[in-house]
């Protein structure tokens, strides 16, 4: 752990004897709250174009996407190894045999040394979890659940289609198999103020999570949330960069010290982003965050140890 927080890059370097990079894959999945199983329309904030790289297109096979990603990164780092990141939509939702075939295809790609699988808490059937348990014994595996909020009222408002109880169950079921478990949350969702977010951090700290990603609420063109903002802007608090940095620091102080923090902020394409637009790259934001933590005498878990 660094002197300020348990940083993902340092943790990843302990897992591998070489440099590794995630390559995002869009394997053509959907979600149960898009196809009518749990709901329609998807999460109100979601537009998957915000995190899909140019090479990440469903008309290309998993192998093609990985090969293109490898060519992109290998120009700068010829000896790089890769984690295949099944990122878009729900990557454990579908026929189990098809899922396994796609995962194995990714692992068969040269220089791919593990998988990161993004999914929802309500989409981890026991049959697939049995396979992942065995897979975890022969390669690096991180299963990353979209948690977004620990508040059921918020989850209903953003049309997540699952409860926090389902999140807790999925995280525990997966961790009990000795599989690394990641979580993802959005800070600043409508109705969630500072005190509620501090409680959220404390609640997440009780779960057997290995890693945690967080990012600011962003309003993205073409989403239902963007339309809601047009109608009722008073329901939203969009943080400026300095205000959000202080919020993140407060949040991190309430997280248990061994939780690995992968990300604090997200960048969406300018063409899709409505607000907030800080004009900061991720590394610039992190540098400002670290500087502010040093100014405040802050560290991960500080509020727990007080």
C-alpha atoms as a PDB file:
ATOM      1  CA  UNK A   1       0.000   0.000   0.000  1.00  0.00           C
ATOM      2  CA  UNK A   2       1.208   3.494  -0.802  1.00  0.00           C
ATOM      3  CA  UNK A   3       1.297   5.962   2.045  1.00  0.00           C
ATOM      4  CA  UNK A   4      -2.073   7.387   0.916  1.00  0.00           C
ATOM      5  CA  UNK A   5      -4.177   4.542  -0.478  1.00  0.00           C
ATOM      6  CA  UNK A   6      -3.960   0.970  -1.742  1.00  0.00           C
ATOM      7  CA  UNK A   7      -3.274   1.642  -5.406  1.00  0.00           C
ATOM      8  CA  UNK A   8      -4.347  -0.782  -8.145  1.00  0.00           C
ATOM      9  CA  UNK A   9      -1.184  -0.469 -10.241  1.00  0.00           C
ATOM     10  CA  UNK A  10       1.028  -1.451  -7.324  1.00  0.00           C
ATOM     11  CA  UNK A  11      -1.257  -4.363  -6.464  1.00  0.00           C
ATOM     12  CA  UNK A  12      -1.256  -5.565 -10.086  1.00  0.00           C
ATOM     13  CA  UNK A  13       2.549  -5.494 -10.188  1.00  0.00           C
ATOM     14  CA  UNK A  14       2.537  -7.909  -7.244  1.00  0.00           C
ATOM     15  CA  UNK A  15       0.324 -10.322  -9.202  1.00  0.00           C
ATOM     16  CA  UNK A  16       2.599 -10.527 -12.257  1.00  0.00           C
ATOM     17  CA  UNK A  17       6.369 -10.502 -12.913  1.00  0.00           C
ATOM     18  CA  UNK A  18       5.808  -8.346 -16.018  1.00  0.00           C
ATOM     19  CA  UNK A  19       3.831  -5.315 -17.145  1.00  0.00           C
ATOM     20  CA  UNK A  20       0.162  -6.037 -17.898  1.00  0.00           C
ATOM     21  CA  UNK A  21      -2.538  -3.985 -19.588  1.00  0.00           C
ATOM     22  CA  UNK A  22      -6.287  -4.544 -19.842  1.00  0.00           C
ATOM     23  CA  UNK A  23      -7.793  -4.759 -23.342  1.00  0.00           C
ATOM     24  CA  UNK A  24     -11.533  -4.091 -23.473  1.00  0.00           C
ATOM     25  CA  UNK A  25     -13.772  -6.487 -25.366  1.00  0.00           C
ATOM     26  CA  UNK A  26     -17.336  -6.045 -26.556  1.00  0.00           C
ATOM     27  CA  UNK A  27     -18.600  -9.608 -26.998  1.00  0.00           C
ATOM     28  CA  UNK A  28     -22.116  -8.581 -28.024  1.00  0.00           C
ATOM     29  CA  UNK A  29     -23.930  -9.182 -24.747  1.00  0.00           C
ATOM     30  CA  UNK A  30     -27.043  -7.425 -23.501  1.00  0.00           C
ATOM     31  CA  UNK A  31     -28.495  -6.968 -19.981  1.00  0.00           C
ATOM     32  CA  UNK A  32     -31.529  -8.417 -18.185  1.00  0.00           C
ATOM     33  CA  UNK A  33     -32.899  -4.927 -17.639  1.00  0.00           C
ATOM     34  CA  UNK A  34     -32.705  -4.247 -21.370  1.00  0.00           C
ATOM     35  CA  UNK A  35     -34.303  -7.380 -22.776  1.00  0.00           C
ATOM     36  CA  UNK A  36     -37.308  -7.495 -20.450  1.00  0.00           C
ATOM     37  CA  UNK A  37     -36.059 -10.191 -18.058  1.00  0.00           C
ATOM     38  CA  UNK A  38     -35.702  -7.618 -15.281  1.00  0.00           C
ATOM     39  CA  UNK A  39     -36.812  -4.487 -17.099  1.00  0.00           C
ATOM     40  CA  UNK A  40     -36.562  -2.414 -20.234  1.00  0.00           C
ATOM     41  CA  UNK A  41     -34.358   0.446 -21.339  1.00  0.00           C
ATOM     42  CA  UNK A  42     -31.291  -0.308 -19.224  1.00  0.00           C
ATOM     43  CA  UNK A  43     -29.841   1.785 -16.426  1.00  0.00           C
ATOM     44  CA  UNK A  44     -30.886   5.410 -16.764  1.00  0.00           C
ATOM     45  CA  UNK A  45     -27.287   6.675 -16.904  1.00  0.00           C
ATOM     46  CA  UNK A  46     -25.942   4.081 -19.343  1.00  0.00           C
ATOM     47  CA  UNK A  47     -24.558   4.604 -22.816  1.00  0.00           C
ATOM     48  CA  UNK A  48     -21.931   1.918 -23.496  1.00  0.00           C
ATOM     49  CA  UNK A  49     -20.290   4.069 -26.160  1.00  0.00           C
ATOM     50  CA  UNK A  50     -18.688   6.007 -23.317  1.00  0.00           C
ATOM     51  CA  UNK A  51     -16.180   3.259 -22.527  1.00  0.00           C
ATOM     52  CA  UNK A  52     -15.748   1.282 -25.726  1.00  0.00           C
ATOM     53  CA  UNK A  53     -12.443   1.942 -27.544  1.00  0.00           C
ATOM     54  CA  UNK A  54     -12.465   2.172 -31.340  1.00  0.00           C
ATOM     55  CA  UNK A  55     -11.227  -1.408 -31.715  1.00  0.00           C
ATOM     56  CA  UNK A  56     -14.022  -2.683 -29.468  1.00  0.00           C
ATOM     57  CA  UNK A  57     -16.812  -3.461 -31.931  1.00  0.00           C
ATOM     58  CA  UNK A  58     -19.213  -6.387 -31.910  1.00  0.00           C
ATOM     59  CA  UNK A  59     -18.738  -7.178 -35.601  1.00  0.00           C
ATOM     60  CA  UNK A  60     -15.185  -8.238 -34.695  1.00  0.00           C
ATOM     61  CA  UNK A  61     -14.480 -11.514 -32.928  1.00  0.00           C
ATOM     62  CA  UNK A  62     -12.972 -11.636 -29.440  1.00  0.00           C
ATOM     63  CA  UNK A  63      -9.652 -12.671 -31.011  1.00  0.00           C
ATOM     64  CA  UNK A  64      -9.743  -9.803 -33.518  1.00  0.00           C
ATOM     65  CA  UNK A  65     -10.464  -7.240 -30.816  1.00  0.00           C
ATOM     66  CA  UNK A  66      -7.645  -8.562 -28.651  1.00  0.00           C
ATOM     67  CA  UNK A  67      -5.182  -8.665 -31.548  1.00  0.00           C
ATOM     68  CA  UNK A  68      -6.022  -5.086 -32.461  1.00  0.00           C
ATOM     69  CA  UNK A  69      -5.624  -4.011 -28.845  1.00  0.00           C
ATOM     70  CA  UNK A  70      -2.280  -5.819 -28.651  1.00  0.00           C
ATOM     71  CA  UNK A  71      -1.016  -3.999 -31.760  1.00  0.00           C
ATOM     72  CA  UNK A  72      -2.045  -0.679 -30.256  1.00  0.00           C
ATOM     73  CA  UNK A  73      -0.182  -1.187 -26.973  1.00  0.00           C
ATOM     74  CA  UNK A  74       2.796  -3.187 -28.311  1.00  0.00           C
ATOM     75  CA  UNK A  75       4.088  -0.180 -30.253  1.00  0.00           C
ATOM     76  CA  UNK A  76       5.109   1.396 -26.960  1.00  0.00           C
ATOM     77  CA  UNK A  77       5.620  -1.722 -24.812  1.00  0.00           C
ATOM     78  CA  UNK A  78       6.703  -4.721 -26.943  1.00  0.00           C
ATOM     79  CA  UNK A  79       6.996  -7.035 -23.932  1.00  0.00           C
ATOM     80  CA  UNK A  80       3.552  -6.217 -22.524  1.00  0.00           C
ATOM     81  CA  UNK A  81       1.144  -8.965 -21.441  1.00  0.00           C
ATOM     82  CA  UNK A  82      -2.620  -8.507 -21.377  1.00  0.00           C
ATOM     83  CA  UNK A  83      -5.800  -9.091 -19.433  1.00  0.00           C
ATOM     84  CA  UNK A  84      -8.859  -9.621 -21.612  1.00  0.00           C
ATOM     85  CA  UNK A  85     -11.491  -7.278 -20.151  1.00  0.00           C
ATOM     86  CA  UNK A  86     -15.050  -8.323 -20.959  1.00  0.00           C
ATOM     87  CA  UNK A  87     -16.472  -4.883 -20.265  1.00  0.00           C
ATOM     88  CA  UNK A  88     -19.549  -3.899 -22.286  1.00  0.00           C
ATOM     89  CA  UNK A  89     -22.942  -4.743 -20.810  1.00  0.00           C
ATOM     90  CA  UNK A  90     -23.358  -7.988 -18.778  1.00  0.00           C
ATOM     91  CA  UNK A  91     -20.639 -10.508 -19.562  1.00  0.00           C
ATOM     92  CA  UNK A  92     -22.014 -13.464 -17.623  1.00  0.00           C
ATOM     93  CA  UNK A  93     -25.507 -13.194 -19.119  1.00  0.00           C
ATOM     94  CA  UNK A  94     -26.270 -15.827 -21.724  1.00  0.00           C
ATOM     95  CA  UNK A  95     -25.850 -19.485 -22.533  1.00  0.00           C
ATOM     96  CA  UNK A  96     -23.123 -20.899 -20.294  1.00  0.00           C
ATOM     97  CA  UNK A  97     -21.484 -22.913 -23.075  1.00  0.00           C
ATOM     98  CA  UNK A  98     -21.254 -19.810 -25.277  1.00  0.00           C
ATOM     99  CA  UNK A  99     -19.792 -17.792 -22.398  1.00  0.00           C
ATOM    100  CA  UNK A 100     -17.139 -20.424 -21.727  1.00  0.00           C
ATOM    101  CA  UNK A 101     -16.245 -20.571 -25.425  1.00  0.00           C
ATOM    102  CA  UNK A 102     -15.694 -16.789 -25.498  1.00  0.00           C
ATOM    103  CA  UNK A 103     -13.589 -16.774 -22.333  1.00  0.00           C
ATOM    104  CA  UNK A 104     -11.453 -19.636 -23.630  1.00  0.00           C
ATOM    105  CA  UNK A 105     -11.052 -17.894 -26.983  1.00  0.00           C
ATOM    106  CA  UNK A 106      -9.696 -14.854 -25.167  1.00  0.00           C
ATOM    107  CA  UNK A 107      -7.248 -16.932 -23.131  1.00  0.00           C
ATOM    108  CA  UNK A 108      -6.007 -18.658 -26.266  1.00  0.00           C
ATOM    109  CA  UNK A 109      -4.865 -15.323 -27.695  1.00  0.00           C
ATOM    110  CA  UNK A 110      -1.062 -14.869 -27.475  1.00  0.00           C
ATOM    111  CA  UNK A 111       0.148 -12.814 -24.484  1.00  0.00           C
ATOM    112  CA  UNK A 112      -3.261 -12.858 -22.748  1.00  0.00           C
ATOM    113  CA  UNK A 113      -2.558 -13.902 -19.154  1.00  0.00           C
ATOM    114  CA  UNK A 114      -5.938 -13.501 -17.486  1.00  0.00           C
ATOM    115  CA  UNK A 115      -9.526 -12.298 -17.593  1.00  0.00           C
ATOM    116  CA  UNK A 116     -11.480  -9.454 -16.050  1.00  0.00           C
ATOM    117  CA  UNK A 117     -15.227 -10.052 -16.373  1.00  0.00           C
ATOM    118  CA  UNK A 118     -17.667  -7.213 -15.804  1.00  0.00           C
ATOM    119  CA  UNK A 119     -21.197  -8.206 -14.840  1.00  0.00           C
ATOM    120  CA  UNK A 120     -24.249  -7.597 -12.654  1.00  0.00           C
ATOM    121  CA  UNK A 121     -24.960  -9.101  -9.217  1.00  0.00           C
ATOM    122  CA  UNK A 122     -28.090 -10.857 -10.513  1.00  0.00           C
ATOM    123  CA  UNK A 123     -26.264 -12.641 -13.341  1.00  0.00           C
ATOM    124  CA  UNK A 124     -24.009 -15.254 -11.772  1.00  0.00           C
ATOM    125  CA  UNK A 125     -25.610 -18.709 -12.096  1.00  0.00           C
ATOM    126  CA  UNK A 126     -24.070 -21.542 -10.092  1.00  0.00           C
ATOM    127  CA  UNK A 127     -23.139 -23.472 -13.231  1.00  0.00           C
ATOM    128  CA  UNK A 128     -21.025 -20.583 -14.478  1.00  0.00           C
ATOM    129  CA  UNK A 129     -19.572 -19.941 -11.036  1.00  0.00           C
ATOM    130  CA  UNK A 130     -18.448 -23.592 -10.937  1.00  0.00           C
ATOM    131  CA  UNK A 131     -16.574 -23.061 -14.218  1.00  0.00           C
ATOM    132  CA  UNK A 132     -15.032 -19.789 -13.003  1.00  0.00           C
ATOM    133  CA  UNK A 133     -13.866 -21.527  -9.833  1.00  0.00           C
ATOM    134  CA  UNK A 134     -11.862 -23.978 -11.924  1.00  0.00           C
ATOM    135  CA  UNK A 135     -10.699 -21.247 -14.301  1.00  0.00           C
ATOM    136  CA  UNK A 136      -9.388 -19.241 -11.352  1.00  0.00           C
ATOM    137  CA  UNK A 137      -7.034 -22.119 -10.509  1.00  0.00           C
ATOM    138  CA  UNK A 138      -5.241 -21.894 -13.875  1.00  0.00           C
ATOM    139  CA  UNK A 139      -5.211 -18.187 -14.715  1.00  0.00           C
ATOM    140  CA  UNK A 140      -5.656 -14.716 -13.257  1.00  0.00           C
ATOM    141  CA  UNK A 141      -9.363 -13.905 -12.833  1.00  0.00           C
ATOM    142  CA  UNK A 142     -11.187 -10.854 -11.504  1.00  0.00           C
ATOM    143  CA  UNK A 143     -14.998 -10.756 -11.531  1.00  0.00           C
ATOM    144  CA  UNK A 144     -16.191  -7.168 -11.375  1.00  0.00           C
ATOM    145  CA  UNK A 145     -19.751  -6.431 -10.226  1.00  0.00           C
ATOM    146  CA  UNK A 146     -21.597  -3.214 -10.995  1.00  0.00           C
ATOM    147  CA  UNK A 147     -22.790  -2.184  -7.538  1.00  0.00           C
ATOM    148  CA  UNK A 148     -23.409   1.520  -8.295  1.00  0.00           C
ATOM    149  CA  UNK A 149     -25.208   2.153  -4.981  1.00  0.00           C
ATOM    150  CA  UNK A 150     -25.960   0.425  -1.689  1.00  0.00           C
ATOM    151  CA  UNK A 151     -29.359   2.116  -1.430  1.00  0.00           C
ATOM    152  CA  UNK A 152     -32.363   0.230  -2.828  1.00  0.00           C
ATOM    153  CA  UNK A 153     -34.303   3.440  -3.456  1.00  0.00           C
ATOM    154  CA  UNK A 154     -31.469   4.748  -5.619  1.00  0.00           C
ATOM    155  CA  UNK A 155     -31.138   1.411  -7.430  1.00  0.00           C
ATOM    156  CA  UNK A 156     -34.841   1.534  -8.261  1.00  0.00           C
ATOM    157  CA  UNK A 157     -34.606   5.147  -9.420  1.00  0.00           C
ATOM    158  CA  UNK A 158     -31.763   4.407 -11.848  1.00  0.00           C
ATOM    159  CA  UNK A 159     -33.475   1.223 -13.101  1.00  0.00           C
ATOM    160  CA  UNK A 160     -30.740  -1.180 -12.024  1.00  0.00           C
ATOM    161  CA  UNK A 161     -33.203  -4.039 -11.693  1.00  0.00           C
ATOM    162  CA  UNK A 162     -31.557  -5.578  -8.615  1.00  0.00           C
ATOM    163  CA  UNK A 163     -31.284  -4.865  -4.900  1.00  0.00           C
ATOM    164  CA  UNK A 164     -28.260  -4.340  -2.682  1.00  0.00           C
ATOM    165  CA  UNK A 165     -29.094  -7.634  -0.962  1.00  0.00           C
ATOM    166  CA  UNK A 166     -28.489  -9.349  -4.322  1.00  0.00           C
ATOM    167  CA  UNK A 167     -25.168  -7.517  -4.582  1.00  0.00           C
ATOM    168  CA  UNK A 168     -24.055  -8.704  -1.162  1.00  0.00           C
ATOM    169  CA  UNK A 169     -25.042 -12.287  -1.982  1.00  0.00           C
ATOM    170  CA  UNK A 170     -23.220 -12.289  -5.343  1.00  0.00           C
ATOM    171  CA  UNK A 171     -20.038 -10.796  -3.912  1.00  0.00           C
ATOM    172  CA  UNK A 172     -19.971 -13.296  -1.048  1.00  0.00           C
ATOM    173  CA  UNK A 173     -20.790 -16.310  -3.245  1.00  0.00           C
ATOM    174  CA  UNK A 174     -17.955 -15.388  -5.584  1.00  0.00           C
ATOM    175  CA  UNK A 175     -15.404 -14.584  -2.888  1.00  0.00           C
ATOM    176  CA  UNK A 176     -16.200 -17.884  -1.135  1.00  0.00           C
ATOM    177  CA  UNK A 177     -14.793 -19.609  -4.245  1.00  0.00           C
ATOM    178  CA  UNK A 178     -11.467 -17.755  -3.704  1.00  0.00           C
ATOM    179  CA  UNK A 179     -12.152 -15.656  -6.817  1.00  0.00           C
ATOM    180  CA  UNK A 180     -11.004 -12.043  -6.732  1.00  0.00           C
ATOM    181  CA  UNK A 181     -14.046  -9.753  -6.673  1.00  0.00           C
ATOM    182  CA  UNK A 182     -14.188  -6.163  -7.890  1.00  0.00           C
ATOM    183  CA  UNK A 183     -16.903  -3.586  -7.358  1.00  0.00           C
ATOM    184  CA  UNK A 184     -17.948  -0.439  -9.188  1.00  0.00           C
ATOM    185  CA  UNK A 185     -19.849   2.521  -7.731  1.00  0.00           C
ATOM    186  CA  UNK A 186     -21.011   5.913  -8.993  1.00  0.00           C
ATOM    187  CA  UNK A 187     -20.610   8.824  -6.583  1.00  0.00           C
ATOM    188  CA  UNK A 188     -23.223  11.573  -6.765  1.00  0.00           C
ATOM    189  CA  UNK A 189     -26.290   9.725  -8.021  1.00  0.00           C
ATOM    190  CA  UNK A 190     -29.540  11.696  -7.560  1.00  0.00           C
ATOM    191  CA  UNK A 191     -30.589  11.789  -3.932  1.00  0.00           C
ATOM    192  CA  UNK A 192     -27.270  10.615  -2.516  1.00  0.00           C
ATOM    193  CA  UNK A 193     -25.459  13.237  -0.472  1.00  0.00           C
ATOM    194  CA  UNK A 194     -22.198  13.142   1.446  1.00  0.00           C
ATOM    195  CA  UNK A 195     -23.483  11.424   4.604  1.00  0.00           C
ATOM    196  CA  UNK A 196     -25.173   8.667   2.636  1.00  0.00           C
ATOM    197  CA  UNK A 197     -22.007   8.107   0.607  1.00  0.00           C
ATOM    198  CA  UNK A 198     -19.905   7.794   3.752  1.00  0.00           C
ATOM    199  CA  UNK A 199     -22.310   5.102   4.976  1.00  0.00           C
ATOM    200  CA  UNK A 200     -21.957   3.460   1.574  1.00  0.00           C
ATOM    201  CA  UNK A 201     -18.175   3.317   1.925  1.00  0.00           C
ATOM    202  CA  UNK A 202     -18.534   1.716   5.345  1.00  0.00           C
ATOM    203  CA  UNK A 203     -21.044  -0.835   4.014  1.00  0.00           C
ATOM    204  CA  UNK A 204     -18.797  -1.773   1.092  1.00  0.00           C
ATOM    205  CA  UNK A 205     -15.903  -2.235   3.479  1.00  0.00           C
ATOM    206  CA  UNK A 206     -17.770  -5.106   5.143  1.00  0.00           C
ATOM    207  CA  UNK A 207     -17.960  -7.038   1.848  1.00  0.00           C
ATOM    208  CA  UNK A 208     -15.165  -9.384   0.696  1.00  0.00           C
ATOM    209  CA  UNK A 209     -14.204  -7.144  -2.235  1.00  0.00           C
ATOM    210  CA  UNK A 210     -10.653  -7.216  -3.558  1.00  0.00           C
ATOM    211  CA  UNK A 211     -10.868  -4.076  -5.711  1.00  0.00           C
ATOM    212  CA  UNK A 212     -13.125  -1.048  -6.032  1.00  0.00           C
ATOM    213  CA  UNK A 213     -13.687   1.431  -8.865  1.00  0.00           C
ATOM    214  CA  UNK A 214     -15.523   4.674  -8.315  1.00  0.00           C
ATOM    215  CA  UNK A 215     -16.351   7.526 -10.616  1.00  0.00           C
ATOM    216  CA  UNK A 216     -18.312  10.740 -10.704  1.00  0.00           C
ATOM    217  CA  UNK A 217     -21.857  10.928 -11.973  1.00  0.00           C
ATOM    218  CA  UNK A 218     -21.740  11.998 -15.620  1.00  0.00           C
ATOM    219  CA  UNK A 219     -24.684  13.033 -17.751  1.00  0.00           C
ATOM    220  CA  UNK A 220     -24.388  11.375 -21.156  1.00  0.00           C
ATOM    221  CA  UNK A 221     -26.287  12.279 -24.293  1.00  0.00           C
ATOM    222  CA  UNK A 222     -28.995   9.859 -25.310  1.00  0.00           C
ATOM    223  CA  UNK A 223     -29.632   8.520 -21.812  1.00  0.00           C
ATOM    224  CA  UNK A 224     -32.821   8.650 -19.798  1.00  0.00           C
ATOM    225  CA  UNK A 225     -30.940  10.394 -16.991  1.00  0.00           C
ATOM    226  CA  UNK A 226     -29.963  13.219 -19.343  1.00  0.00           C
ATOM    227  CA  UNK A 227     -33.654  13.715 -20.113  1.00  0.00           C
ATOM    228  CA  UNK A 228     -34.472  13.659 -16.388  1.00  0.00           C
ATOM    229  CA  UNK A 229     -31.850  16.358 -15.855  1.00  0.00           C
ATOM    230  CA  UNK A 230     -33.442  18.538 -18.525  1.00  0.00           C
ATOM    231  CA  UNK A 231     -36.797  18.274 -16.769  1.00  0.00           C
ATOM    232  CA  UNK A 232     -35.598  18.513 -13.136  1.00  0.00           C
ATOM    233  CA  UNK A 233     -32.038  19.858 -12.817  1.00  0.00           C
ATOM    234  CA  UNK A 234     -32.733  20.630  -9.154  1.00  0.00           C
ATOM    235  CA  UNK A 235     -32.640  16.883  -8.429  1.00  0.00           C
ATOM    236  CA  UNK A 236     -28.963  16.662  -9.404  1.00  0.00           C
ATOM    237  CA  UNK A 237     -25.760  17.853  -7.800  1.00  0.00           C
ATOM    238  CA  UNK A 238     -22.948  17.925 -10.341  1.00  0.00           C
ATOM    239  CA  UNK A 239     -19.630  18.310  -8.544  1.00  0.00           C
ATOM    240  CA  UNK A 240     -16.844  20.564  -9.724  1.00  0.00           C
ATOM    241  CA  UNK A 241     -13.421  18.940  -9.728  1.00  0.00           C
ATOM    242  CA  UNK A 242     -12.166  20.294  -6.385  1.00  0.00           C
ATOM    243  CA  UNK A 243     -15.439  19.519  -4.631  1.00  0.00           C
ATOM    244  CA  UNK A 244     -15.407  15.991  -6.000  1.00  0.00           C
ATOM    245  CA  UNK A 245     -11.790  15.485  -4.937  1.00  0.00           C
ATOM    246  CA  UNK A 246     -12.716  16.318  -1.350  1.00  0.00           C
ATOM    247  CA  UNK A 247     -15.721  13.997  -1.551  1.00  0.00           C
ATOM    248  CA  UNK A 248     -13.531  11.141  -2.798  1.00  0.00           C
ATOM    249  CA  UNK A 249     -11.006  11.734  -0.021  1.00  0.00           C
ATOM    250  CA  UNK A 250     -13.764  11.614   2.598  1.00  0.00           C
ATOM    251  CA  UNK A 251     -15.044   8.395   0.971  1.00  0.00           C
ATOM    252  CA  UNK A 252     -11.598   6.789   0.874  1.00  0.00           C
ATOM    253  CA  UNK A 253     -11.095   7.595   4.553  1.00  0.00           C
ATOM    254  CA  UNK A 254     -14.134   5.400   5.270  1.00  0.00           C
ATOM    255  CA  UNK A 255     -12.844   2.438   3.215  1.00  0.00           C
ATOM    256  CA  UNK A 256     -10.927  -0.412   4.853  1.00  0.00           C
ATOM    257  CA  UNK A 257      -7.193  -0.026   4.149  1.00  0.00           C
ATOM    258  CA  UNK A 258      -6.668  -3.333   2.302  1.00  0.00           C
ATOM    259  CA  UNK A 259      -9.319  -2.623  -0.361  1.00  0.00           C
ATOM    260  CA  UNK A 260      -7.500  -2.025  -3.672  1.00  0.00           C
ATOM    261  CA  UNK A 261      -8.621   1.224  -5.328  1.00  0.00           C
ATOM    262  CA  UNK A 262      -8.514   1.023  -9.092  1.00  0.00           C
ATOM    263  CA  UNK A 263     -10.080   4.280 -10.208  1.00  0.00           C
ATOM    264  CA  UNK A 264     -11.582   7.504  -8.859  1.00  0.00           C
ATOM    265  CA  UNK A 265     -12.849   9.156 -12.017  1.00  0.00           C
ATOM    266  CA  UNK A 266     -14.070   8.322 -15.504  1.00  0.00           C
ATOM    267  CA  UNK A 267     -13.628  10.095 -18.821  1.00  0.00           C
ATOM    268  CA  UNK A 268     -16.385  10.039 -21.434  1.00  0.00           C
ATOM    269  CA  UNK A 269     -16.007  11.180 -25.047  1.00  0.00           C
ATOM    270  CA  UNK A 270     -16.508  14.933 -25.430  1.00  0.00           C
ATOM    271  CA  UNK A 271     -19.130  14.288 -28.085  1.00  0.00           C
ATOM    272  CA  UNK A 272     -21.302  12.393 -25.580  1.00  0.00           C
ATOM    273  CA  UNK A 273     -20.615  14.251 -22.326  1.00  0.00           C
ATOM    274  CA  UNK A 274     -23.120  16.870 -21.191  1.00  0.00           C
ATOM    275  CA  UNK A 275     -21.668  17.548 -17.725  1.00  0.00           C
ATOM    276  CA  UNK A 276     -19.537  17.840 -15.692  1.00  0.00           C
ATOM    277  CA  UNK A 277     -16.647  18.615 -18.043  1.00  0.00           C
ATOM    278  CA  UNK A 278     -13.530  19.213 -15.959  1.00  0.00           C
ATOM    279  CA  UNK A 279     -11.009  19.032 -18.767  1.00  0.00           C
ATOM    280  CA  UNK A 280      -8.815  16.683 -16.709  1.00  0.00           C
ATOM    281  CA  UNK A 281      -7.255  13.423 -17.815  1.00  0.00           C
ATOM    282  CA  UNK A 282      -7.400  10.558 -15.327  1.00  0.00           C
ATOM    283  CA  UNK A 283      -3.721  10.866 -14.353  1.00  0.00           C
ATOM    284  CA  UNK A 284      -4.102  14.635 -13.867  1.00  0.00           C
ATOM    285  CA  UNK A 285      -7.072  14.093 -11.582  1.00  0.00           C
ATOM    286  CA  UNK A 286      -5.187  11.459  -9.574  1.00  0.00           C
ATOM    287  CA  UNK A 287      -2.205  13.772  -9.157  1.00  0.00           C
ATOM    288  CA  UNK A 288      -4.480  16.510  -7.794  1.00  0.00           C
ATOM    289  CA  UNK A 289      -6.199  14.001  -5.524  1.00  0.00           C
ATOM    290  CA  UNK A 290      -2.896  12.800  -4.078  1.00  0.00           C
ATOM    291  CA  UNK A 291      -1.724  16.367  -3.535  1.00  0.00           C
ATOM    292  CA  UNK A 292      -4.958  17.226  -1.721  1.00  0.00           C
ATOM    293  CA  UNK A 293      -4.694  14.092   0.436  1.00  0.00           C
ATOM    294  CA  UNK A 294      -1.207  15.148   1.467  1.00  0.00           C
ATOM    295  CA  UNK A 295      -2.479  18.651   2.278  1.00  0.00           C
ATOM    296  CA  UNK A 296      -5.230  17.205   4.442  1.00  0.00           C
ATOM    297  CA  UNK A 297      -3.066  14.585   6.132  1.00  0.00           C
ATOM    298  CA  UNK A 298      -5.424  11.958   4.781  1.00  0.00           C
ATOM    299  CA  UNK A 299      -5.076   8.226   4.126  1.00  0.00           C
ATOM    300  CA  UNK A 300      -7.321   5.288   3.271  1.00  0.00           C
ATOM    301  CA  UNK A 301      -9.180   4.059   6.342  1.00  0.00           C
ATOM    302  CA  UNK A 302      -8.384   7.130   8.433  1.00  0.00           C
ATOM    303  CA  UNK A 303     -12.008   7.562   9.566  1.00  0.00           C
ATOM    304  CA  UNK A 304     -12.140   3.893  10.609  1.00  0.00           C
ATOM    305  CA  UNK A 305      -9.042   4.160  12.805  1.00  0.00           C
ATOM    306  CA  UNK A 306     -10.127   7.372  14.513  1.00  0.00           C
END
